Amino acid sequence: MSDIPASIDDTRKLLQDAGYVSDRPLATVLFLALRLNRPLFLEGEAGVGKTEIAKVLSQALGRSLIRLQCYEGLDVSSAVYEWNYAGQMMEIRLAEATGEADRERLEGDIFSERHLIKRALLQALEPDTAGPPVLLIDELDRTDEAFEAFLLEILSDFQVTIPEYGTVRAAHPPIVIITSNRTREIHDALKRRCLYHWVDYPDAARELAILRAKVPQAPAKLSKDIVAFVQAIRKEDLFKSPGVAESLDWASALVELDAVALDPHLVSDTLGVLLKYQDDIQKLQGSKAQEMLDQVKAQAKG
């Protein structure tokens, strides 16, 4: 288990050593979240590396990663806890069969910890020999607005109140990372409990560093071509611009095809790796791919 970094530079190095190329603003807000024991709320387009931050942080600090993948309809029983109703029913039937008459004792038995099924949020409050875990609440914007209310107690006091059982409080707060692709606005009440950072697309220099770190087998010229072309694509009017995840996938695919540089035919044939909507692919196929490649090469020469 590694200690919490002592400075912004240490935080940036911690991420870099684990394979995550960050900029200083991200390292700063992450450092503050770790030192102040505050949840970190990350917003940004899909594929820019928000989820990866939690994974890398878990790996770098040697902490457990507990992930709650959000979706529409997520509720307390799926995210926090539920009771093992089958086990409780067996307990009641056994008490009836043996003539157990102590109602208070029976209620204590059926609502004891052995019948409590702990989901991600409750698990994150439990002690861990490796240190407080990293709790990733991923894509919160996919949930219903009502679910946000369930998180307020956890994010404020790092505790959960279970009516039949009592209050479960973390002895040491988990490291909480919340992500959102901003498909809807998250309520201010939740944001106030967090530090906030917008994770944007990286500039060309940082994206090239990311590509070299994640796909080191890619030839140097190909890596530069990929980054320049992806940076140019993001300026086009597309339904969904490619994120860093897509550019890494594209680089891996081109390496598999033994490519050493981009050409129009290669780009057109592999756009389905980089773009996920047919309308976007059609816009960039054929002559448009040639035009963009010519622009990229001209800029490189300049």
Protein backbone atom coordinates (compact mmCIF):
# COMPACT_ATOMS: atom_id res chain seq x y z
CA MET A 1 0.00 0.00 0.00
CA SER A 2 1.36 3.43 -0.99
CA ASP A 3 0.90 6.58 1.07
CA ILE A 4 -1.23 9.47 -0.12
CA PRO A 5 1.02 11.74 -2.21
CA ALA A 6 2.44 14.74 -0.37
CA SER A 7 2.32 17.25 -3.23
CA ILE A 8 0.78 17.98 -6.60
CA ASP A 9 3.97 16.90 -8.35
CA ASP A 10 3.95 13.62 -6.39
CA THR A 11 0.33 13.08 -7.44
CA ARG A 12 1.17 13.65 -11.08
CA LYS A 13 4.14 11.27 -10.83
CA LEU A 14 1.97 8.67 -9.07
CA LEU A 15 -0.44 8.71 -12.01
CA GLN A 16 2.35 8.75 -14.59
CA ASP A 17 4.11 5.76 -12.99
CA ALA A 18 0.83 3.86 -13.26
CA GLY A 19 0.50 4.74 -16.96
CA TYR A 20 -1.86 7.73 -16.75
CA VAL A 21 -0.64 10.96 -18.39
CA SER A 22 -2.35 13.82 -16.57
CA ASP A 23 -2.12 17.59 -16.77
CA ARG A 24 -1.42 19.76 -13.73
CA PRO A 25 -5.02 20.95 -13.10
CA LEU A 26 -6.22 17.33 -12.82
CA ALA A 27 -3.29 16.41 -10.56
CA THR A 28 -4.08 19.44 -8.38
CA VAL A 29 -7.75 18.64 -7.81
CA LEU A 30 -6.96 14.95 -7.26
CA PHE A 31 -4.29 15.87 -4.70
CA LEU A 32 -6.78 18.09 -2.86
CA ALA A 33 -9.48 15.39 -2.91
CA LEU A 34 -7.05 12.89 -1.38
CA ARG A 35 -5.74 15.28 1.28
CA LEU A 36 -9.13 16.72 2.26
CA ASN A 37 -11.03 13.40 2.12
CA ARG A 38 -13.52 14.91 -0.31
CA PRO A 39 -15.29 13.05 -3.16
CA LEU A 40 -14.08 14.04 -6.63
CA PHE A 41 -16.73 14.67 -9.28
CA LEU A 42 -15.39 14.27 -12.83
CA GLU A 43 -17.40 15.40 -15.85
CA GLY A 44 -16.46 15.20 -19.51
CA GLU A 45 -17.19 13.54 -22.82
CA ALA A 46 -17.22 9.75 -22.98
CA GLY A 47 -13.81 8.21 -23.59
CA VAL A 48 -11.60 10.98 -22.16
CA GLY A 49 -10.28 8.86 -19.27
CA LYS A 50 -12.52 9.66 -16.30
CA THR A 51 -13.09 6.05 -15.24
CA GLU A 52 -9.43 5.25 -15.83
CA ILE A 53 -8.43 7.75 -13.14
CA ALA A 54 -10.13 5.65 -10.45
CA LYS A 55 -8.62 2.42 -11.78
CA VAL A 56 -5.12 3.87 -11.91
CA LEU A 57 -5.46 5.45 -8.48
CA SER A 58 -6.52 2.10 -7.01
CA GLN A 59 -3.55 0.39 -8.63
CA ALA A 60 -1.03 3.08 -7.69
CA LEU A 61 -2.11 3.26 -4.03
CA GLY A 62 -2.58 -0.50 -3.66
CA ARG A 63 -6.22 -0.07 -2.64
CA SER A 64 -9.27 -2.15 -3.52
CA LEU A 65 -11.46 -0.76 -6.31
CA ILE A 66 -15.20 -0.94 -5.66
CA ARG A 67 -17.18 0.05 -8.73
CA LEU A 68 -20.83 0.99 -8.89
CA GLN A 69 -21.86 1.09 -12.54
CA CYS A 70 -24.90 3.34 -12.75
CA TYR A 71 -27.93 2.76 -14.97
CA GLU A 72 -31.53 3.92 -15.24
CA GLY A 73 -33.61 2.43 -12.45
CA LEU A 74 -30.69 1.84 -10.05
CA ASP A 75 -32.04 1.74 -6.49
CA VAL A 76 -30.95 1.15 -2.89
CA SER A 77 -31.29 -2.64 -3.07
CA SER A 78 -28.85 -2.78 -5.99
CA ALA A 79 -26.45 -0.06 -4.85
CA VAL A 80 -26.43 -0.10 -1.03
CA TYR A 81 -27.95 -3.20 0.58
CA GLU A 82 -30.79 -5.65 0.67
CA TRP A 83 -31.91 -8.39 3.03
CA ASN A 84 -31.54 -12.08 2.31
CA TYR A 85 -35.29 -12.75 2.38
CA ALA A 86 -34.91 -16.49 1.79
CA GLY A 87 -32.55 -16.79 4.76
CA GLN A 88 -34.84 -14.68 6.94
CA MET A 89 -37.83 -16.83 6.03
CA MET A 90 -35.92 -19.98 6.95
CA GLU A 91 -35.03 -18.37 10.30
CA ILE A 92 -38.72 -17.65 10.96
CA ARG A 93 -39.82 -21.15 9.95
CA LEU A 94 -37.15 -22.70 12.17
CA ALA A 95 -38.26 -20.56 15.11
CA GLU A 96 -41.86 -21.66 14.55
CA ALA A 97 -40.83 -25.30 14.38
CA THR A 98 -38.84 -25.13 17.62
CA GLY A 99 -41.48 -23.10 19.45
CA GLU A 100 -39.31 -19.99 19.78
CA ALA A 101 -41.56 -17.36 21.34
CA ASP A 102 -39.12 -14.50 21.97
CA ARG A 103 -40.23 -12.07 19.26
CA GLU A 104 -37.55 -9.49 20.05
CA ARG A 105 -34.77 -12.05 19.86
CA LEU A 106 -36.15 -13.44 16.59
CA GLU A 107 -36.29 -9.96 15.08
CA GLY A 108 -32.68 -9.42 16.13
CA ASP A 109 -31.68 -12.67 14.43
CA ILE A 110 -33.41 -12.06 11.11
CA PHE A 111 -32.11 -8.48 10.87
CA SER A 112 -28.54 -9.38 11.83
CA GLU A 113 -25.45 -8.91 9.70
CA ARG A 114 -25.47 -12.50 8.46
CA HIS A 115 -28.70 -11.79 6.56
CA LEU A 116 -27.47 -8.45 5.22
CA ILE A 117 -26.38 -8.48 1.57
CA LYS A 118 -23.89 -5.67 1.15
CA ARG A 119 -23.76 -3.92 -2.20
CA ALA A 120 -21.04 -1.59 -3.50
CA LEU A 121 -21.78 1.54 -1.43
CA LEU A 122 -21.99 -0.39 1.83
CA GLN A 123 -18.89 -2.44 1.02
CA ALA A 124 -16.93 0.78 0.52
CA LEU A 125 -17.58 1.77 4.16
CA GLU A 126 -16.07 -1.41 5.58
CA PRO A 127 -12.49 -1.48 6.95
CA ASP A 128 -9.83 -2.90 4.64
CA THR A 129 -6.35 -4.05 5.65
CA ALA A 130 -4.94 -2.38 2.52
CA GLY A 131 -6.48 0.96 3.50
CA PRO A 132 -9.73 2.70 2.54
CA PRO A 133 -10.83 1.51 -0.91
CA VAL A 134 -11.37 3.57 -4.04
CA LEU A 135 -15.12 3.84 -4.63
CA LEU A 136 -15.96 4.52 -8.27
CA ILE A 137 -19.53 5.69 -8.90
CA ASP A 138 -19.43 5.53 -12.68
CA GLU A 139 -21.72 7.46 -15.06
CA LEU A 140 -24.00 8.91 -12.39
CA ASP A 141 -25.91 10.82 -15.07
CA ARG A 142 -27.40 7.52 -16.27
CA THR A 143 -29.40 7.12 -13.05
CA ASP A 144 -32.75 8.69 -12.18
CA GLU A 145 -32.53 11.98 -10.29
CA ALA A 146 -34.07 10.37 -7.21
CA PHE A 147 -31.02 8.12 -6.80
CA GLU A 148 -28.82 11.13 -6.10
CA ALA A 149 -30.64 11.59 -2.78
CA PHE A 150 -29.43 8.16 -1.68
CA LEU A 151 -25.84 9.34 -2.08
CA LEU A 152 -26.05 12.52 0.00
CA GLU A 153 -25.61 10.83 3.40
CA ILE A 154 -22.68 8.79 2.13
CA LEU A 155 -20.92 11.74 0.53
CA SER A 156 -21.49 14.02 3.55
CA ASP A 157 -20.78 11.71 6.47
CA PHE A 158 -19.54 8.47 4.87
CA GLN A 159 -22.29 6.51 6.53
CA VAL A 160 -25.44 4.57 5.64
CA THR A 161 -28.52 4.29 7.83
CA ILE A 162 -30.37 0.97 7.60
CA PRO A 163 -33.71 1.25 9.46
CA GLU A 164 -33.82 -2.36 10.74
CA TYR A 165 -30.09 -2.57 11.49
CA GLY A 166 -28.67 0.82 12.43
CA THR A 167 -26.06 3.20 11.06
CA VAL A 168 -22.93 1.86 9.36
CA ARG A 169 -20.15 4.44 9.48
CA ALA A 170 -16.73 4.23 7.84
CA ALA A 171 -13.85 4.38 10.31
CA HIS A 172 -11.76 5.84 7.49
CA PRO A 173 -13.51 7.44 4.49
CA PRO A 174 -13.10 5.74 1.12
CA ILE A 175 -11.58 7.61 -1.82
CA VAL A 176 -14.66 8.51 -3.88
CA ILE A 177 -14.53 9.20 -7.62
CA ILE A 178 -17.82 10.07 -9.34
CA THR A 179 -18.02 10.34 -13.13
CA SER A 180 -20.62 11.82 -15.44
CA ASN A 181 -20.84 12.14 -19.23
CA ARG A 182 -23.23 15.08 -18.68
CA THR A 183 -26.20 13.58 -20.50
CA ARG A 184 -28.17 15.41 -17.79
CA GLU A 185 -27.29 17.91 -15.09
CA ILE A 186 -26.45 16.56 -11.63
CA HIS A 187 -28.17 18.34 -8.73
CA ASP A 188 -26.28 21.08 -6.88
CA ALA A 189 -26.82 19.35 -3.52
CA LEU A 190 -24.58 16.51 -4.64
CA LYS A 191 -22.01 18.68 -6.40
CA ARG A 192 -21.55 20.82 -3.28
CA ARG A 193 -20.27 17.76 -1.44
CA CYS A 194 -17.55 17.17 -4.02
CA LEU A 195 -14.54 18.78 -5.60
CA TYR A 196 -15.18 19.26 -9.33
CA HIS A 197 -13.10 18.87 -12.46
CA TRP A 198 -13.96 18.87 -16.15
CA VAL A 199 -11.89 16.28 -18.02
CA ASP A 200 -11.42 17.64 -21.53
CA TYR A 201 -9.91 16.13 -24.65
CA PRO A 202 -6.10 16.31 -24.34
CA ASP A 203 -4.03 18.60 -26.52
CA ALA A 204 -1.83 17.03 -29.21
CA ALA A 205 1.31 16.80 -27.06
CA ARG A 206 -0.45 15.04 -24.18
CA GLU A 207 -2.42 12.74 -26.49
CA LEU A 208 0.82 11.70 -28.18
CA ALA A 209 2.33 10.97 -24.75
CA ILE A 210 -0.74 8.89 -23.85
CA LEU A 211 -0.54 6.96 -27.13
CA ARG A 212 3.16 6.25 -26.66
CA ALA A 213 2.53 5.03 -23.12
CA LYS A 214 -0.45 2.82 -24.00
CA VAL A 215 0.53 1.62 -27.50
CA PRO A 216 4.35 1.71 -27.42
CA GLN A 217 4.60 -0.72 -30.35
CA ALA A 218 3.14 1.86 -32.76
CA PRO A 219 5.78 3.38 -35.11
CA ALA A 220 6.69 6.97 -34.25
CA LYS A 221 5.39 8.42 -37.54
CA LEU A 222 2.13 6.51 -37.29
CA SER A 223 1.59 7.76 -33.74
CA LYS A 224 2.07 11.36 -34.84
CA ASP A 225 -0.25 10.88 -37.82
CA ILE A 226 -2.95 9.34 -35.62
CA VAL A 227 -2.83 12.16 -33.07
CA ALA A 228 -2.85 14.88 -35.75
CA PHE A 229 -5.75 13.25 -37.60
CA VAL A 230 -7.83 12.68 -34.42
CA GLN A 231 -7.20 16.25 -33.28
CA ALA A 232 -8.44 17.45 -36.69
CA ILE A 233 -11.52 15.21 -36.55
CA ARG A 234 -12.58 16.74 -33.24
CA LYS A 235 -12.92 20.10 -34.97
CA GLU A 236 -15.46 18.66 -37.43
CA ASP A 237 -19.21 18.83 -36.85
CA LEU A 238 -19.74 15.20 -35.76
CA PHE A 239 -22.46 13.55 -33.71
CA LYS A 240 -19.80 12.07 -31.42
CA SER A 241 -16.14 13.04 -31.57
CA PRO A 242 -13.67 10.24 -30.80
CA GLY A 243 -12.29 10.14 -27.29
CA VAL A 244 -8.84 9.05 -26.15
CA ALA A 245 -10.13 5.50 -25.75
CA GLU A 246 -11.10 5.42 -29.43
CA SER A 247 -7.77 6.85 -30.60
CA LEU A 248 -5.96 4.15 -28.60
CA ASP A 249 -8.19 1.47 -30.13
CA TRP A 250 -7.49 2.87 -33.59
CA ALA A 251 -3.74 2.88 -32.96
CA SER A 252 -3.85 -0.76 -31.80
CA ALA A 253 -5.90 -1.72 -34.87
CA LEU A 254 -3.48 0.02 -37.26
CA VAL A 255 -0.53 -1.72 -35.60
CA GLU A 256 -2.27 -5.06 -36.20
CA LEU A 257 -2.55 -4.09 -39.88
CA ASP A 258 1.22 -3.38 -39.96
CA ALA A 259 0.59 0.26 -40.87
CA VAL A 260 3.51 2.67 -40.65
CA ALA A 261 1.66 5.81 -41.82
CA LEU A 262 -1.88 6.90 -42.66
CA ASP A 263 -3.29 6.93 -46.17
CA PRO A 264 -6.87 7.65 -47.38
CA HIS A 265 -7.77 4.01 -48.07
CA LEU A 266 -6.50 2.86 -44.69
CA VAL A 267 -8.42 5.62 -42.93
CA SER A 268 -11.68 4.85 -44.77
CA ASP A 269 -11.36 1.11 -44.10
CA THR A 270 -10.80 1.54 -40.35
CA LEU A 271 -13.07 4.47 -39.44
CA GLY A 272 -15.43 2.04 -37.69
CA VAL A 273 -12.79 1.61 -34.98
CA LEU A 274 -12.54 5.36 -34.41
CA LEU A 275 -16.15 6.50 -34.94
CA LYS A 276 -19.32 4.83 -33.68
CA TYR A 277 -22.04 6.45 -35.80
CA GLN A 278 -22.62 5.75 -39.48
CA ASP A 279 -23.44 9.38 -40.31
CA ASP A 280 -20.05 10.44 -38.89
CA ILE A 281 -18.25 7.70 -40.84
CA GLN A 282 -19.91 8.73 -44.10
CA LYS A 283 -18.84 12.35 -43.60
CA LEU A 284 -15.18 11.38 -43.37
CA GLN A 285 -14.88 8.63 -45.96
CA GLY A 286 -13.31 8.97 -49.41
CA SER A 287 -12.36 12.45 -50.59
CA LYS A 288 -12.91 14.00 -47.15
CA ALA A 289 -10.35 11.63 -45.62
CA GLN A 290 -7.89 12.59 -48.37
CA GLU A 291 -8.54 16.29 -47.77
CA MET A 292 -8.01 15.98 -44.01
CA LEU A 293 -4.84 13.95 -44.44
CA ASP A 294 -3.47 16.59 -46.81
CA GLN A 295 -4.23 19.28 -44.22
CA VAL A 296 -2.56 17.28 -41.46
CA LYS A 297 0.57 16.72 -43.58
CA ALA A 298 0.70 20.38 -44.56
CA GLN A 299 0.50 21.44 -40.91
CA ALA A 300 3.22 18.94 -40.00
CA LYS A 301 5.53 20.37 -42.66
CA GLY A 302 4.75 23.91 -41.54
